Amino acid sequence: MIQAENNELPVRQVELASNAVLTQVLDTYGSFARMRRCELETDPKTRNTVFRGDPLIISRVIGNMIKNALEACREGQKVLVGSKGKNEWVTFWVHNPGFMPREVQLQLFKRSFTTKGAGRGLGTYSMKLLTERYLKGQISFTSTEADGTTFEIRLRTSGAPAE
């Protein structure tokens, strides 16, 4: 994390397929989902998109999104993960049925903010840092009691900076 904060993290742009990225990250977190007794599935609306990006950084960001969603889900609930391409963008999302109170939402991307206890609090901070600074993309979330919580990252398919 210190390397990323100091602008020293190397970035390797390669051609990727969004479905392959999701498959790899889902395989990584499958056992954690089983341990939490939650379902981890690819959203049926997912569409494969070819894009350029750093596979390690993208996997880390999506992995953090999945881990947070699984930690927030209750036994038997489902976490959906997906991607789609539109125009010059690829979007990855992770959805869980949980809701974050407004006071949590306001602090979510702050370094060391956590609802999970001491020694935590870098997950969402690192997601924002890595997405914006190194992937040159955008990160956002919505959280409502009716619809649950969805995190999204948007990246240019060319790997160029977001506007």
Protein backbone atom coordinates (compact mmCIF):
# COMPACT_ATOMS: atom_id res chain seq x y z
CA MET A 1 0.00 0.00 0.00
CA ILE A 2 2.86 2.38 0.79
CA GLN A 3 4.25 1.81 -2.71
CA ALA A 4 0.85 2.75 -4.20
CA GLU A 5 0.51 5.84 -2.00
CA ASN A 6 4.01 6.98 -3.01
CA ASN A 7 3.26 6.67 -6.75
CA GLU A 8 5.79 3.84 -7.04
CA LEU A 9 3.54 0.98 -8.10
CA PRO A 10 4.48 -0.37 -11.54
CA VAL A 11 1.59 -0.70 -14.02
CA ARG A 12 1.61 -3.30 -16.78
CA GLN A 13 -1.00 -2.66 -19.49
CA VAL A 14 -2.03 -5.83 -21.32
CA GLU A 15 -5.07 -6.91 -23.31
CA LEU A 16 -7.64 -8.61 -21.07
CA ALA A 17 -11.09 -10.15 -21.39
CA SER A 18 -13.51 -9.15 -18.64
CA ASN A 19 -14.96 -12.68 -18.35
CA ALA A 20 -11.49 -14.14 -17.79
CA VAL A 21 -10.75 -11.54 -15.10
CA LEU A 22 -14.03 -12.35 -13.33
CA THR A 23 -13.47 -16.11 -13.55
CA GLN A 24 -10.03 -15.77 -11.96
CA VAL A 25 -11.25 -13.55 -9.13
CA LEU A 26 -14.33 -15.71 -8.49
CA ASP A 27 -12.10 -18.79 -8.27
CA THR A 28 -9.91 -16.98 -5.74
CA TYR A 29 -12.84 -16.02 -3.49
CA GLY A 30 -14.99 -19.15 -3.92
CA SER A 31 -13.73 -20.82 -0.74
CA PHE A 32 -14.26 -17.61 1.25
CA ALA A 33 -17.86 -17.50 0.00
CA ARG A 34 -18.41 -21.12 1.06
CA MET A 35 -16.90 -20.39 4.46
CA ARG A 36 -19.31 -17.46 4.86
CA ARG A 37 -22.16 -19.68 3.59
CA CYS A 38 -23.00 -17.14 0.91
CA GLU A 39 -23.50 -17.70 -2.79
CA LEU A 40 -21.02 -16.04 -5.16
CA GLU A 41 -22.25 -15.93 -8.74
CA THR A 42 -21.70 -14.20 -12.05
CA ASP A 43 -24.59 -11.90 -12.91
CA PRO A 44 -26.46 -13.30 -15.96
CA LYS A 45 -26.39 -9.78 -17.46
CA THR A 46 -22.59 -10.00 -17.75
CA ARG A 47 -21.12 -9.35 -21.18
CA ASN A 48 -17.53 -10.06 -22.12
CA THR A 49 -15.48 -7.01 -23.08
CA VAL A 50 -11.90 -6.88 -24.31
CA PHE A 51 -9.93 -4.05 -22.74
CA ARG A 52 -6.43 -3.00 -21.67
CA GLY A 53 -5.34 -2.85 -18.06
CA ASP A 54 -3.08 -4.21 -15.35
CA PRO A 55 -4.35 -7.69 -14.44
CA LEU A 56 -2.92 -7.71 -10.91
CA ILE A 57 -4.31 -4.31 -9.95
CA ILE A 58 -7.72 -4.99 -11.50
CA SER A 59 -7.92 -8.37 -9.74
CA ARG A 60 -7.02 -6.76 -6.44
CA VAL A 61 -9.70 -4.07 -6.75
CA ILE A 62 -12.43 -6.52 -7.80
CA GLY A 63 -11.22 -8.95 -5.15
CA ASN A 64 -11.59 -6.29 -2.45
CA MET A 65 -15.09 -5.49 -3.73
CA ILE A 66 -16.02 -9.19 -3.53
CA LYS A 67 -14.44 -9.70 -0.11
CA ASN A 68 -16.31 -6.71 1.33
CA ALA A 69 -19.59 -7.90 -0.20
CA LEU A 70 -19.10 -11.40 1.24
CA GLU A 71 -18.23 -10.01 4.67
CA ALA A 72 -21.45 -7.98 4.57
CA CYS A 73 -23.69 -10.83 3.43
CA ARG A 74 -25.64 -13.05 5.78
CA GLU A 75 -25.82 -16.81 5.49
CA GLY A 76 -27.72 -17.87 2.38
CA GLN A 77 -27.52 -14.49 0.67
CA LYS A 78 -26.13 -14.02 -2.83
CA VAL A 79 -23.30 -11.81 -4.07
CA LEU A 80 -23.49 -11.06 -7.80
CA VAL A 81 -20.43 -10.08 -9.83
CA GLY A 82 -20.51 -8.87 -13.41
CA SER A 83 -19.13 -6.76 -16.22
CA LYS A 84 -20.31 -5.04 -19.35
CA GLY A 85 -18.87 -2.90 -22.08
CA LYS A 86 -20.42 0.21 -23.55
CA ASN A 87 -18.78 2.53 -26.04
CA GLU A 88 -15.19 2.91 -24.83
CA TRP A 89 -15.82 1.72 -21.27
CA VAL A 90 -15.80 -1.54 -19.37
CA THR A 91 -17.67 -1.63 -16.07
CA PHE A 92 -17.23 -4.24 -13.34
CA TRP A 93 -19.73 -4.47 -10.50
CA VAL A 94 -20.27 -6.39 -7.28
CA HIS A 95 -23.70 -6.43 -5.63
CA ASN A 96 -24.89 -7.70 -2.27
CA PRO A 97 -28.30 -7.32 -0.62
CA GLY A 98 -26.94 -5.46 2.42
CA PHE A 99 -27.40 -1.76 3.12
CA MET A 100 -24.80 0.68 4.46
CA PRO A 101 -26.05 3.46 6.74
CA ARG A 102 -25.46 7.01 5.52
CA GLU A 103 -22.76 7.71 8.16
CA VAL A 104 -20.78 4.72 6.84
CA GLN A 105 -21.25 5.77 3.22
CA LEU A 106 -19.81 9.23 3.93
CA GLN A 107 -16.54 7.80 5.30
CA LEU A 108 -16.19 4.73 3.15
CA PHE A 109 -13.14 5.68 1.09
CA LYS A 110 -11.16 7.24 3.97
CA ARG A 111 -7.90 5.55 4.91
CA SER A 112 -8.27 3.32 7.99
CA PHE A 113 -12.07 3.71 8.18
CA THR A 114 -13.61 0.38 9.14
CA THR A 115 -16.75 -1.12 10.59
CA LYS A 116 -14.90 -4.40 11.18
CA GLY A 117 -12.52 -3.73 14.07
CA ALA A 118 -8.89 -2.79 14.66
CA GLY A 119 -6.29 -3.50 12.00
CA ARG A 120 -8.75 -3.16 9.13
CA GLY A 121 -9.86 -0.29 6.92
CA LEU A 122 -7.63 -0.32 3.86
CA GLY A 123 -9.94 -2.24 1.51
CA THR A 124 -12.19 0.50 0.17
CA TYR A 125 -9.42 3.08 0.47
CA SER A 126 -7.12 0.92 -1.67
CA MET A 127 -9.93 0.26 -4.16
CA LYS A 128 -10.29 4.00 -4.75
CA LEU A 129 -6.54 4.68 -4.80
CA LEU A 130 -5.76 1.85 -7.23
CA THR A 131 -8.75 2.50 -9.50
CA GLU A 132 -8.24 6.24 -9.83
CA ARG A 133 -4.47 6.61 -9.67
CA TYR A 134 -3.22 3.44 -11.35
CA LEU A 135 -6.06 2.21 -13.54
CA LYS A 136 -7.09 5.79 -14.41
CA GLY A 137 -10.72 4.81 -13.89
CA GLN A 138 -13.67 5.70 -11.73
CA ILE A 139 -15.16 3.96 -8.70
CA SER A 140 -18.63 4.48 -7.26
CA PHE A 141 -21.27 2.77 -5.19
CA THR A 142 -24.96 2.90 -4.40
CA SER A 143 -26.56 1.57 -1.25
CA THR A 144 -30.26 1.60 -0.49
CA GLU A 145 -32.39 -0.49 1.84
CA ALA A 146 -34.59 -1.53 -1.09
CA ASP A 147 -31.85 -2.54 -3.55
CA GLY A 148 -28.79 -3.38 -1.45
CA THR A 149 -25.25 -2.24 -2.23
CA THR A 150 -23.46 -2.18 -5.58
CA PHE A 151 -19.85 -1.15 -6.14
CA GLU A 152 -18.70 -0.33 -9.68
CA ILE A 153 -15.41 0.44 -11.34
CA ARG A 154 -15.36 1.98 -14.82
CA LEU A 155 -12.26 1.72 -16.97
CA ARG A 156 -11.53 2.88 -20.49
CA THR A 157 -11.19 -0.11 -22.79
CA SER A 158 -8.07 1.50 -24.27
CA GLY A 159 -6.45 1.88 -20.85
CA ALA A 160 -6.41 5.68 -21.31
CA PRO A 161 -7.33 7.94 -18.37
CA ALA A 162 -11.00 8.52 -17.56
CA GLU A 163 -12.35 12.00 -18.19
